[in-house]
Amino acid sequence: MTSAMRVQAQGTQAAPATVYNHLMSGMEKEIVGAADAMPADKFNFAPTQGEFKGVRTFGSQVKHLAEANYGFFEGWNIPGAVKDDDIEKLTSKDDIMKALRDSYVYAHKAIDTINAGNAFTEMGTGERKSTRAGLAAFCLAHSMDHYGQMVVYLRMNGIVPPASRKGGM
């Protein structure tokens, strides 16, 4: 919990951007930490034993998360979005990690726009119809799903995820 959140008296209304940015920062720490923990020569690792046919490689999981951090906030008029195709072309761990970190900067900028007046106002159309609060929450849930997959890949390579290490998160 951030110091700003701890200082507020119980019952005080928290700004939606503060709440969602706090949650996003926690998810960011876990995902970036896990991605950093995988050696560059293992970024192309994908399980082959068991029910893993057709799964993404570790690096593809990381690229997918970077793409999603832009995609969930598409249409929010936040400058600096990167196209999925540009992320898909990346091959080196360093480039993929930069794209991931940049995507979190973008996601935080989008979340900064959430306020009490617009958090639950519907936006989008069809299946993409949601609210800013809903999209931010779904981005977090989606991230947790892929973080879990990253953890499996790390452990299959004998690596304890940073958040699981003594003194971790």
N, C-alpha and C. Protein backbone atom coordinates (compact mmCIF):
# COMPACT_ATOMS: atom_id res chain seq x y z
N MET A 1 0.85 -1.17 0.00
CA MET A 1 0.00 0.00 0.00
C MET A 1 0.89 1.24 0.00
N THR A 2 0.53 2.20 -0.83
CA THR A 2 1.35 3.40 -0.92
C THR A 2 1.15 4.25 0.32
N SER A 3 2.12 5.10 0.62
CA SER A 3 2.01 5.96 1.79
C SER A 3 0.83 6.91 1.65
N ALA A 4 0.53 7.34 0.41
CA ALA A 4 -0.61 8.24 0.20
C ALA A 4 -1.91 7.55 0.58
N MET A 5 -2.02 6.25 0.31
CA MET A 5 -3.24 5.53 0.65
C MET A 5 -3.33 5.27 2.15
N ARG A 6 -2.20 5.07 2.82
CA ARG A 6 -2.20 4.81 4.26
C ARG A 6 -2.58 6.04 5.06
N VAL A 7 -2.24 7.23 4.57
CA VAL A 7 -2.46 8.46 5.29
C VAL A 7 -3.94 8.83 5.34
N GLN A 8 -4.71 8.44 4.34
CA GLN A 8 -6.11 8.80 4.30
C GLN A 8 -6.86 8.18 5.47
N ALA A 9 -7.73 8.98 6.07
CA ALA A 9 -8.54 8.49 7.17
C ALA A 9 -9.53 7.47 6.65
N GLN A 10 -9.84 6.50 7.48
CA GLN A 10 -10.82 5.48 7.10
C GLN A 10 -12.13 6.16 6.72
N GLY A 11 -12.73 5.72 5.62
CA GLY A 11 -13.97 6.31 5.15
C GLY A 11 -13.77 7.44 4.16
N THR A 12 -12.53 7.88 3.98
CA THR A 12 -12.23 8.92 3.01
C THR A 12 -12.34 8.35 1.60
N GLN A 13 -12.94 9.10 0.70
CA GLN A 13 -13.03 8.67 -0.68
C GLN A 13 -11.65 8.72 -1.33
N ALA A 14 -11.25 7.62 -1.92
CA ALA A 14 -9.98 7.57 -2.65
C ALA A 14 -10.24 7.88 -4.12
N ALA A 15 -9.33 8.56 -4.73
CA ALA A 15 -9.44 8.85 -6.15
C ALA A 15 -9.29 7.55 -6.94
N PRO A 16 -10.19 7.30 -7.91
CA PRO A 16 -10.07 6.06 -8.69
C PRO A 16 -8.69 5.87 -9.32
N ALA A 17 -8.10 6.93 -9.83
CA ALA A 17 -6.77 6.81 -10.44
C ALA A 17 -5.75 6.32 -9.43
N THR A 18 -5.85 6.78 -8.19
CA THR A 18 -4.92 6.35 -7.15
C THR A 18 -5.06 4.86 -6.88
N VAL A 19 -6.30 4.40 -6.77
CA VAL A 19 -6.56 2.99 -6.48
C VAL A 19 -6.05 2.11 -7.62
N TYR A 20 -6.43 2.43 -8.86
CA TYR A 20 -6.03 1.60 -9.99
C TYR A 20 -4.54 1.68 -10.28
N ASN A 21 -3.93 2.84 -10.11
CA ASN A 21 -2.48 2.94 -10.30
C ASN A 21 -1.73 2.12 -9.26
N HIS A 22 -2.23 2.10 -8.04
CA HIS A 22 -1.62 1.28 -6.99
C HIS A 22 -1.65 -0.20 -7.38
N LEU A 23 -2.81 -0.65 -7.84
CA LEU A 23 -2.94 -2.05 -8.26
C LEU A 23 -2.06 -2.34 -9.47
N MET A 24 -2.04 -1.43 -10.43
CA MET A 24 -1.23 -1.62 -11.63
C MET A 24 0.26 -1.65 -11.27
N SER A 25 0.68 -0.82 -10.33
CA SER A 25 2.10 -0.82 -9.92
C SER A 25 2.49 -2.16 -9.33
N GLY A 26 1.61 -2.76 -8.54
CA GLY A 26 1.90 -4.08 -7.97
C GLY A 26 2.03 -5.13 -9.05
N MET A 27 1.11 -5.12 -10.01
CA MET A 27 1.15 -6.08 -11.11
C MET A 27 2.38 -5.85 -11.96
N GLU A 28 2.70 -4.60 -12.22
CA GLU A 28 3.88 -4.24 -13.00
C GLU A 28 5.15 -4.79 -12.33
N LYS A 29 5.25 -4.62 -11.03
CA LYS A 29 6.44 -5.10 -10.31
C LYS A 29 6.60 -6.61 -10.47
N GLU A 30 5.49 -7.34 -10.34
CA GLU A 30 5.57 -8.80 -10.47
C GLU A 30 5.93 -9.23 -11.89
N ILE A 31 5.27 -8.62 -12.87
CA ILE A 31 5.51 -9.03 -14.26
C ILE A 31 6.89 -8.63 -14.74
N VAL A 32 7.30 -7.40 -14.50
CA VAL A 32 8.63 -6.97 -14.92
C VAL A 32 9.70 -7.79 -14.19
N GLY A 33 9.48 -8.05 -12.92
CA GLY A 33 10.42 -8.88 -12.16
C GLY A 33 10.54 -10.28 -12.73
N ALA A 34 9.41 -10.88 -13.07
CA ALA A 34 9.42 -12.22 -13.65
C ALA A 34 10.10 -12.22 -15.02
N ALA A 35 9.78 -11.22 -15.83
CA ALA A 35 10.38 -11.14 -17.16
C ALA A 35 11.89 -10.92 -17.06
N ASP A 36 12.30 -10.07 -16.13
CA ASP A 36 13.74 -9.84 -15.92
C ASP A 36 14.45 -11.11 -15.46
N ALA A 37 13.75 -11.94 -14.69
CA ALA A 37 14.37 -13.14 -14.12
C ALA A 37 14.68 -14.21 -15.16
N MET A 38 13.94 -14.22 -16.25
CA MET A 38 14.18 -15.23 -17.28
C MET A 38 15.40 -14.82 -18.11
N PRO A 39 16.40 -15.69 -18.20
CA PRO A 39 17.59 -15.36 -19.00
C PRO A 39 17.21 -15.15 -20.47
N ALA A 40 17.97 -14.31 -21.14
CA ALA A 40 17.69 -13.98 -22.55
C ALA A 40 17.65 -15.24 -23.42
N ASP A 41 18.52 -16.20 -23.12
CA ASP A 41 18.55 -17.41 -23.96
C ASP A 41 17.36 -18.33 -23.71
N LYS A 42 16.50 -18.00 -22.76
CA LYS A 42 15.30 -18.79 -22.48
C LYS A 42 14.02 -18.05 -22.90
N PHE A 43 14.14 -16.87 -23.50
CA PHE A 43 12.95 -16.11 -23.90
C PHE A 43 12.14 -16.85 -24.97
N ASN A 44 12.76 -17.77 -25.70
CA ASN A 44 12.04 -18.55 -26.70
C ASN A 44 11.52 -19.87 -26.13
N PHE A 45 11.62 -20.04 -24.81
CA PHE A 45 11.15 -21.27 -24.19
C PHE A 45 9.63 -21.35 -24.22
N ALA A 46 9.15 -22.51 -24.61
CA ALA A 46 7.74 -22.88 -24.48
C ALA A 46 7.71 -24.34 -24.06
N PRO A 47 6.88 -24.68 -23.09
CA PRO A 47 6.81 -26.08 -22.66
C PRO A 47 6.41 -27.01 -23.81
N THR A 48 6.95 -28.22 -23.78
CA THR A 48 6.61 -29.21 -24.80
C THR A 48 6.03 -30.47 -24.18
N GLN A 49 6.25 -30.68 -22.90
CA GLN A 49 5.72 -31.85 -22.21
C GLN A 49 4.32 -31.54 -21.68
N GLY A 50 3.39 -32.45 -21.84
CA GLY A 50 2.05 -32.25 -21.31
C GLY A 50 1.15 -31.50 -22.28
N GLU A 51 0.17 -30.85 -21.74
CA GLU A 51 -0.86 -30.16 -22.54
C GLU A 51 -0.47 -28.72 -22.87
N PHE A 52 0.63 -28.54 -23.58
CA PHE A 52 1.12 -27.20 -23.89
C PHE A 52 1.21 -26.94 -25.39
N LYS A 53 0.56 -27.76 -26.20
CA LYS A 53 0.65 -27.60 -27.65
C LYS A 53 0.14 -26.22 -28.07
N GLY A 54 0.97 -25.50 -28.83
CA GLY A 54 0.56 -24.22 -29.38
C GLY A 54 0.61 -23.03 -28.44
N VAL A 55 1.21 -23.18 -27.25
CA VAL A 55 1.27 -22.06 -26.32
C VAL A 55 2.33 -21.05 -26.75
N ARG A 56 2.20 -19.86 -26.22
CA ARG A 56 3.18 -18.80 -26.51
C ARG A 56 4.51 -19.14 -25.84
N THR A 57 5.59 -18.64 -26.43
CA THR A 57 6.88 -18.72 -25.76
C THR A 57 6.87 -17.70 -24.61
N PHE A 58 7.87 -17.77 -23.75
CA PHE A 58 7.96 -16.82 -22.66
C PHE A 58 8.02 -15.40 -23.20
N GLY A 59 8.88 -15.16 -24.19
CA GLY A 59 9.00 -13.83 -24.79
C GLY A 59 7.69 -13.38 -25.42
N SER A 60 6.97 -14.30 -26.02
CA SER A 60 5.67 -13.95 -26.61
C SER A 60 4.66 -13.59 -25.53
N GLN A 61 4.75 -14.23 -24.37
CA GLN A 61 3.88 -13.85 -23.24
C GLN A 61 4.16 -12.40 -22.85
N VAL A 62 5.44 -12.05 -22.77
CA VAL A 62 5.83 -10.70 -22.38
C VAL A 62 5.37 -9.69 -23.44
N LYS A 63 5.58 -10.02 -24.71
CA LYS A 63 5.13 -9.12 -25.78
C LYS A 63 3.60 -8.96 -25.75
N HIS A 64 2.89 -10.05 -25.51
CA HIS A 64 1.43 -10.00 -25.44
C HIS A 64 0.98 -9.07 -24.31
N LEU A 65 1.63 -9.12 -23.19
CA LEU A 65 1.28 -8.22 -22.08
C LEU A 65 1.54 -6.77 -22.44
N ALA A 66 2.64 -6.51 -23.12
CA ALA A 66 2.93 -5.14 -23.56
C ALA A 66 1.85 -4.67 -24.53
N GLU A 67 1.49 -5.51 -25.48
CA GLU A 67 0.44 -5.16 -26.44
C GLU A 67 -0.89 -4.89 -25.72
N ALA A 68 -1.19 -5.72 -24.75
CA ALA A 68 -2.46 -5.58 -24.02
C ALA A 68 -2.51 -4.29 -23.22
N ASN A 69 -1.36 -3.87 -22.68
CA ASN A 69 -1.33 -2.62 -21.92
C ASN A 69 -1.69 -1.43 -22.80
N TYR A 70 -1.43 -1.53 -24.08
CA TYR A 70 -1.87 -0.49 -25.01
C TYR A 70 -3.33 -0.75 -25.42
N GLY A 71 -3.65 -1.99 -25.70
CA GLY A 71 -4.97 -2.33 -26.22
C GLY A 71 -6.12 -2.03 -25.28
N PHE A 72 -5.94 -2.30 -24.00
CA PHE A 72 -7.02 -2.06 -23.05
C PHE A 72 -7.38 -0.58 -22.95
N PHE A 73 -6.43 0.29 -23.25
CA PHE A 73 -6.67 1.72 -23.10
C PHE A 73 -6.80 2.43 -24.45
N GLU A 74 -6.98 1.62 -25.49
CA GLU A 74 -7.20 2.15 -26.83
C GLU A 74 -8.47 3.00 -26.84
N GLY A 75 -8.39 4.13 -27.49
CA GLY A 75 -9.56 5.00 -27.57
C GLY A 75 -9.68 5.98 -26.42
N TRP A 76 -8.71 5.99 -25.53
CA TRP A 76 -8.74 6.91 -24.39
C TRP A 76 -8.03 8.22 -24.72
N ASN A 77 -7.56 8.35 -25.93
CA ASN A 77 -6.84 9.56 -26.39
C ASN A 77 -5.57 9.81 -25.59
N ILE A 78 -4.85 8.74 -25.31
CA ILE A 78 -3.57 8.84 -24.61
C ILE A 78 -2.47 8.78 -25.67
N PRO A 79 -1.64 9.82 -25.77
CA PRO A 79 -0.59 9.80 -26.79
C PRO A 79 0.48 8.75 -26.48
N GLY A 80 1.12 8.25 -27.53
CA GLY A 80 2.25 7.35 -27.36
C GLY A 80 1.95 5.88 -27.54
N ALA A 81 0.75 5.55 -28.02
CA ALA A 81 0.43 4.13 -28.23
C ALA A 81 1.35 3.53 -29.28
N VAL A 82 1.67 2.27 -29.09
CA VAL A 82 2.53 1.53 -30.01
C VAL A 82 1.68 0.43 -30.64
N LYS A 83 1.88 0.20 -31.92
CA LYS A 83 1.12 -0.82 -32.64
C LYS A 83 1.61 -2.22 -32.26
N ASP A 84 0.66 -3.16 -32.20
CA ASP A 84 0.99 -4.55 -31.91
C ASP A 84 2.07 -5.08 -32.86
N ASP A 85 1.95 -4.75 -34.13
CA ASP A 85 2.92 -5.24 -35.13
C ASP A 85 4.34 -4.81 -34.80
N ASP A 86 4.49 -3.60 -34.26
CA ASP A 86 5.83 -3.12 -33.90
C ASP A 86 6.39 -3.91 -32.72
N ILE A 87 5.54 -4.31 -31.80
CA ILE A 87 5.99 -5.12 -30.66
C ILE A 87 6.26 -6.55 -31.12
N GLU A 88 5.40 -7.08 -31.97
CA GLU A 88 5.57 -8.46 -32.45
C GLU A 88 6.90 -8.66 -33.16
N LYS A 89 7.43 -7.63 -33.80
CA LYS A 89 8.69 -7.73 -34.55
C LYS A 89 9.91 -7.86 -33.64
N LEU A 90 9.76 -7.53 -32.37
CA LEU A 90 10.90 -7.53 -31.45
C LEU A 90 11.36 -8.95 -31.17
N THR A 91 12.69 -9.13 -31.09
CA THR A 91 13.23 -10.46 -30.84
C THR A 91 14.18 -10.53 -29.65
N SER A 92 14.86 -9.43 -29.33
CA SER A 92 15.83 -9.50 -28.22
C SER A 92 15.14 -9.22 -26.89
N LYS A 93 15.67 -9.84 -25.85
CA LYS A 93 15.12 -9.61 -24.51
C LYS A 93 15.15 -8.12 -24.18
N ASP A 94 16.25 -7.45 -24.47
CA ASP A 94 16.36 -6.03 -24.14
C ASP A 94 15.25 -5.21 -24.80
N ASP A 95 14.99 -5.48 -26.07
CA ASP A 95 13.95 -4.73 -26.79
C ASP A 95 12.56 -5.07 -26.26
N ILE A 96 12.33 -6.34 -25.96
CA ILE A 96 11.04 -6.76 -25.43
C ILE A 96 10.82 -6.14 -24.05
N MET A 97 11.85 -6.12 -23.23
CA MET A 97 11.73 -5.54 -21.88
C MET A 97 11.46 -4.04 -21.97
N LYS A 98 12.10 -3.36 -22.90
CA LYS A 98 11.84 -1.93 -23.08
C LYS A 98 10.39 -1.71 -23.48
N ALA A 99 9.89 -2.52 -24.40
CA ALA A 99 8.49 -2.40 -24.83
C ALA A 99 7.55 -2.64 -23.65
N LEU A 100 7.86 -3.62 -22.81
CA LEU A 100 7.03 -3.91 -21.64
C LEU A 100 7.02 -2.71 -20.68
N ARG A 101 8.20 -2.21 -20.37
CA ARG A 101 8.28 -1.07 -19.44
C ARG A 101 7.57 0.16 -20.01
N ASP A 102 7.76 0.42 -21.31
CA ASP A 102 7.08 1.55 -21.96
C ASP A 102 5.57 1.38 -21.92
N SER A 103 5.10 0.15 -22.04
CA SER A 103 3.66 -0.09 -22.04
C SER A 103 3.06 0.22 -20.66
N TYR A 104 3.84 0.03 -19.61
CA TYR A 104 3.35 0.38 -18.28
C TYR A 104 3.29 1.89 -18.09
N VAL A 105 4.23 2.60 -18.66
CA VAL A 105 4.18 4.07 -18.61
C VAL A 105 2.87 4.53 -19.26
N TYR A 106 2.56 3.95 -20.41
CA TYR A 106 1.34 4.29 -21.13
C TYR A 106 0.10 3.93 -20.31
N ALA A 107 0.08 2.72 -19.75
CA ALA A 107 -1.07 2.28 -18.95
C ALA A 107 -1.30 3.20 -17.76
N HIS A 108 -0.22 3.60 -17.09
CA HIS A 108 -0.37 4.51 -15.94
C HIS A 108 -0.90 5.88 -16.39
N LYS A 109 -0.46 6.36 -17.57
CA LYS A 109 -1.00 7.63 -18.08
C LYS A 109 -2.50 7.51 -18.31
N ALA A 110 -2.93 6.39 -18.86
CA ALA A 110 -4.36 6.18 -19.10
C ALA A 110 -5.11 6.12 -17.76
N ILE A 111 -4.59 5.38 -16.83
CA ILE A 111 -5.24 5.24 -15.53
C ILE A 111 -5.31 6.58 -14.82
N ASP A 112 -4.31 7.43 -15.03
CA ASP A 112 -4.33 8.77 -14.42
C ASP A 112 -5.56 9.57 -14.83
N THR A 113 -6.19 9.21 -15.94
CA THR A 113 -7.37 9.96 -16.41
C THR A 113 -8.67 9.51 -15.75
N ILE A 114 -8.61 8.42 -14.98
CA ILE A 114 -9.84 7.93 -14.35
C ILE A 114 -10.15 8.79 -13.13
N ASN A 115 -11.38 9.29 -13.09
CA ASN A 115 -11.81 10.08 -11.93
C ASN A 115 -13.23 9.67 -11.55
N ALA A 116 -13.72 10.22 -10.46
CA ALA A 116 -15.05 9.84 -9.97
C ALA A 116 -16.14 10.15 -10.99
N GLY A 117 -15.92 11.12 -11.84
CA GLY A 117 -16.93 11.50 -12.82
C GLY A 117 -16.97 10.62 -14.06
N ASN A 118 -15.85 9.95 -14.39
CA ASN A 118 -15.84 9.15 -15.61
C ASN A 118 -15.57 7.67 -15.39
N ALA A 119 -15.31 7.25 -14.18
CA ALA A 119 -14.91 5.87 -13.91
C ALA A 119 -15.94 4.86 -14.40
N PHE A 120 -17.21 5.18 -14.25
CA PHE A 120 -18.25 4.22 -14.61
C PHE A 120 -19.17 4.70 -15.73
N THR A 121 -18.66 5.64 -16.53
CA THR A 121 -19.39 6.09 -17.72
C THR A 121 -19.07 5.12 -18.85
N GLU A 122 -20.11 4.60 -19.50
CA GLU A 122 -19.89 3.64 -20.57
C GLU A 122 -19.18 4.29 -21.75
N MET A 123 -18.31 3.51 -22.36
CA MET A 123 -17.57 3.94 -23.54
C MET A 123 -17.39 2.74 -24.44
N GLY A 124 -17.12 2.97 -25.70
CA GLY A 124 -16.95 1.87 -26.64
C GLY A 124 -18.28 1.37 -27.15
N THR A 125 -18.21 0.34 -27.99
CA THR A 125 -19.42 -0.24 -28.56
C THR A 125 -19.30 -1.76 -28.60
N GLY A 126 -20.44 -2.40 -28.74
CA GLY A 126 -20.46 -3.86 -28.88
C GLY A 126 -19.77 -4.57 -27.75
N GLU A 127 -18.96 -5.58 -28.10
CA GLU A 127 -18.23 -6.34 -27.08
C GLU A 127 -17.17 -5.50 -26.38
N ARG A 128 -16.76 -4.41 -27.00
CA ARG A 128 -15.74 -3.52 -26.41
C ARG A 128 -16.39 -2.49 -25.48
N LYS A 129 -17.70 -2.52 -25.32
CA LYS A 129 -18.38 -1.55 -24.47
C LYS A 129 -18.05 -1.86 -23.01
N SER A 130 -17.60 -0.86 -22.31
CA SER A 130 -17.22 -1.03 -20.91
C SER A 130 -17.15 0.35 -20.28
N THR A 131 -16.45 0.42 -19.18
CA THR A 131 -16.17 1.69 -18.50
C THR A 131 -14.67 1.77 -18.28
N ARG A 132 -14.19 2.95 -17.95
CA ARG A 132 -12.75 3.09 -17.66
C ARG A 132 -12.36 2.18 -16.49
N ALA A 133 -13.17 2.18 -15.45
CA ALA A 133 -12.87 1.33 -14.29
C ALA A 133 -12.90 -0.14 -14.68
N GLY A 134 -13.87 -0.52 -15.50
CA GLY A 134 -13.98 -1.91 -15.94
C GLY A 134 -12.80 -2.33 -16.79
N LEU A 135 -12.38 -1.47 -17.71
CA LEU A 135 -11.23 -1.80 -18.56
C LEU A 135 -9.94 -1.89 -17.75
N ALA A 136 -9.77 -1.00 -16.80
CA ALA A 136 -8.57 -1.05 -15.95
C ALA A 136 -8.57 -2.34 -15.13
N ALA A 137 -9.73 -2.72 -14.60
CA ALA A 137 -9.83 -3.95 -13.82
C ALA A 137 -9.56 -5.18 -14.70
N PHE A 138 -10.11 -5.17 -15.91
CA PHE A 138 -9.90 -6.30 -16.81
C PHE A 138 -8.45 -6.39 -17.23
N CYS A 139 -7.79 -5.26 -17.44
CA CYS A 139 -6.36 -5.26 -17.76
C CYS A 139 -5.57 -5.93 -16.64
N LEU A 140 -5.91 -5.62 -15.41
CA LEU A 140 -5.24 -6.24 -14.27
C LEU A 140 -5.49 -7.74 -14.21
N ALA A 141 -6.74 -8.15 -14.40
CA ALA A 141 -7.08 -9.58 -14.36
C ALA A 141 -6.35 -10.33 -15.49
N HIS A 142 -6.34 -9.75 -16.66
CA HIS A 142 -5.64 -10.35 -17.80
C HIS A 142 -4.16 -10.49 -17.49
N SER A 143 -3.58 -9.47 -16.89
CA SER A 143 -2.16 -9.50 -16.52
C SER A 143 -1.87 -10.61 -15.52
N MET A 144 -2.77 -10.79 -14.56
CA MET A 144 -2.57 -11.85 -13.56
C MET A 144 -2.58 -13.23 -14.20
N ASP A 145 -3.45 -13.43 -15.18
CA ASP A 145 -3.51 -14.69 -15.90
C ASP A 145 -2.17 -14.99 -16.56
N HIS A 146 -1.65 -14.02 -17.29
CA HIS A 146 -0.39 -14.24 -17.98
C HIS A 146 0.80 -14.29 -17.03
N TYR A 147 0.72 -13.57 -15.93
CA TYR A 147 1.78 -13.67 -14.91
C TYR A 147 1.86 -15.11 -14.41
N GLY A 148 0.70 -15.72 -14.17
CA GLY A 148 0.69 -17.12 -13.72
C GLY A 148 1.37 -18.04 -14.72
N GLN A 149 1.13 -17.80 -16.00
CA GLN A 149 1.79 -18.61 -17.02
C GLN A 149 3.29 -18.37 -17.02
N MET A 150 3.69 -17.12 -16.83
CA MET A 150 5.12 -16.80 -16.77
C MET A 150 5.79 -17.51 -15.60
N VAL A 151 5.09 -17.58 -14.48
CA VAL A 151 5.62 -18.25 -13.29
C VAL A 151 5.86 -19.73 -13.59
N VAL A 152 4.91 -20.36 -14.26
CA VAL A 152 5.07 -21.77 -14.63
C VAL A 152 6.31 -21.94 -15.50
N TYR A 153 6.49 -21.08 -16.49
CA TYR A 153 7.65 -21.17 -17.38
C TYR A 153 8.95 -20.98 -16.60
N LEU A 154 8.96 -20.00 -15.68
CA LEU A 154 10.16 -19.79 -14.87
C LEU A 154 10.49 -21.03 -14.06
N ARG A 155 9.50 -21.56 -13.38
CA ARG A 155 9.73 -22.72 -12.52
C ARG A 155 10.15 -23.95 -13.33
N MET A 156 9.62 -24.09 -14.54
CA MET A 156 10.03 -25.21 -15.40
C MET A 156 11.50 -25.07 -15.80
N ASN A 157 12.05 -23.87 -15.68
CA ASN A 157 13.46 -23.63 -15.97
C ASN A 157 14.29 -23.50 -14.71
N GLY A 158 13.74 -23.92 -13.58
CA GLY A 158 14.48 -23.91 -12.32
C GLY A 158 14.66 -22.53 -11.72
N ILE A 159 13.81 -21.58 -12.09
CA ILE A 159 13.93 -20.20 -11.60
C ILE A 159 12.76 -19.90 -10.67
N VAL A 160 13.07 -19.46 -9.46
CA VAL A 160 12.04 -19.04 -8.52
C VAL A 160 11.67 -17.59 -8.86
N PRO A 161 10.39 -17.33 -9.11
CA PRO A 161 9.98 -15.96 -9.43
C PRO A 161 10.37 -14.99 -8.32
N PRO A 162 10.80 -13.79 -8.66
CA PRO A 162 11.23 -12.83 -7.64
C PRO A 162 10.19 -12.60 -6.53
N ALA A 163 8.91 -12.58 -6.88
CA ALA A 163 7.88 -12.34 -5.86
C ALA A 163 7.75 -13.50 -4.88
N SER A 164 8.27 -14.68 -5.24
CA SER A 164 8.20 -15.85 -4.37
C SER A 164 9.46 -16.06 -3.56
N ARG A 165 10.47 -15.27 -3.83
CA ARG A 165 11.73 -15.43 -3.11
C ARG A 165 11.63 -14.79 -1.73
N LYS A 166 12.45 -15.26 -0.82
CA LYS A 166 12.48 -14.68 0.52
C LYS A 166 12.78 -13.19 0.39
N GLY A 167 11.94 -12.37 1.01
CA GLY A 167 12.11 -10.92 0.91
C GLY A 167 11.47 -10.36 -0.33
N GLY A 168 10.77 -11.20 -1.13
CA GLY A 168 10.08 -10.74 -2.34
C GLY A 168 8.91 -9.86 -1.95
N MET A 169 8.04 -9.67 -2.87
CA MET A 169 6.89 -8.80 -2.64
C MET A 169 6.24 -9.16 -1.38
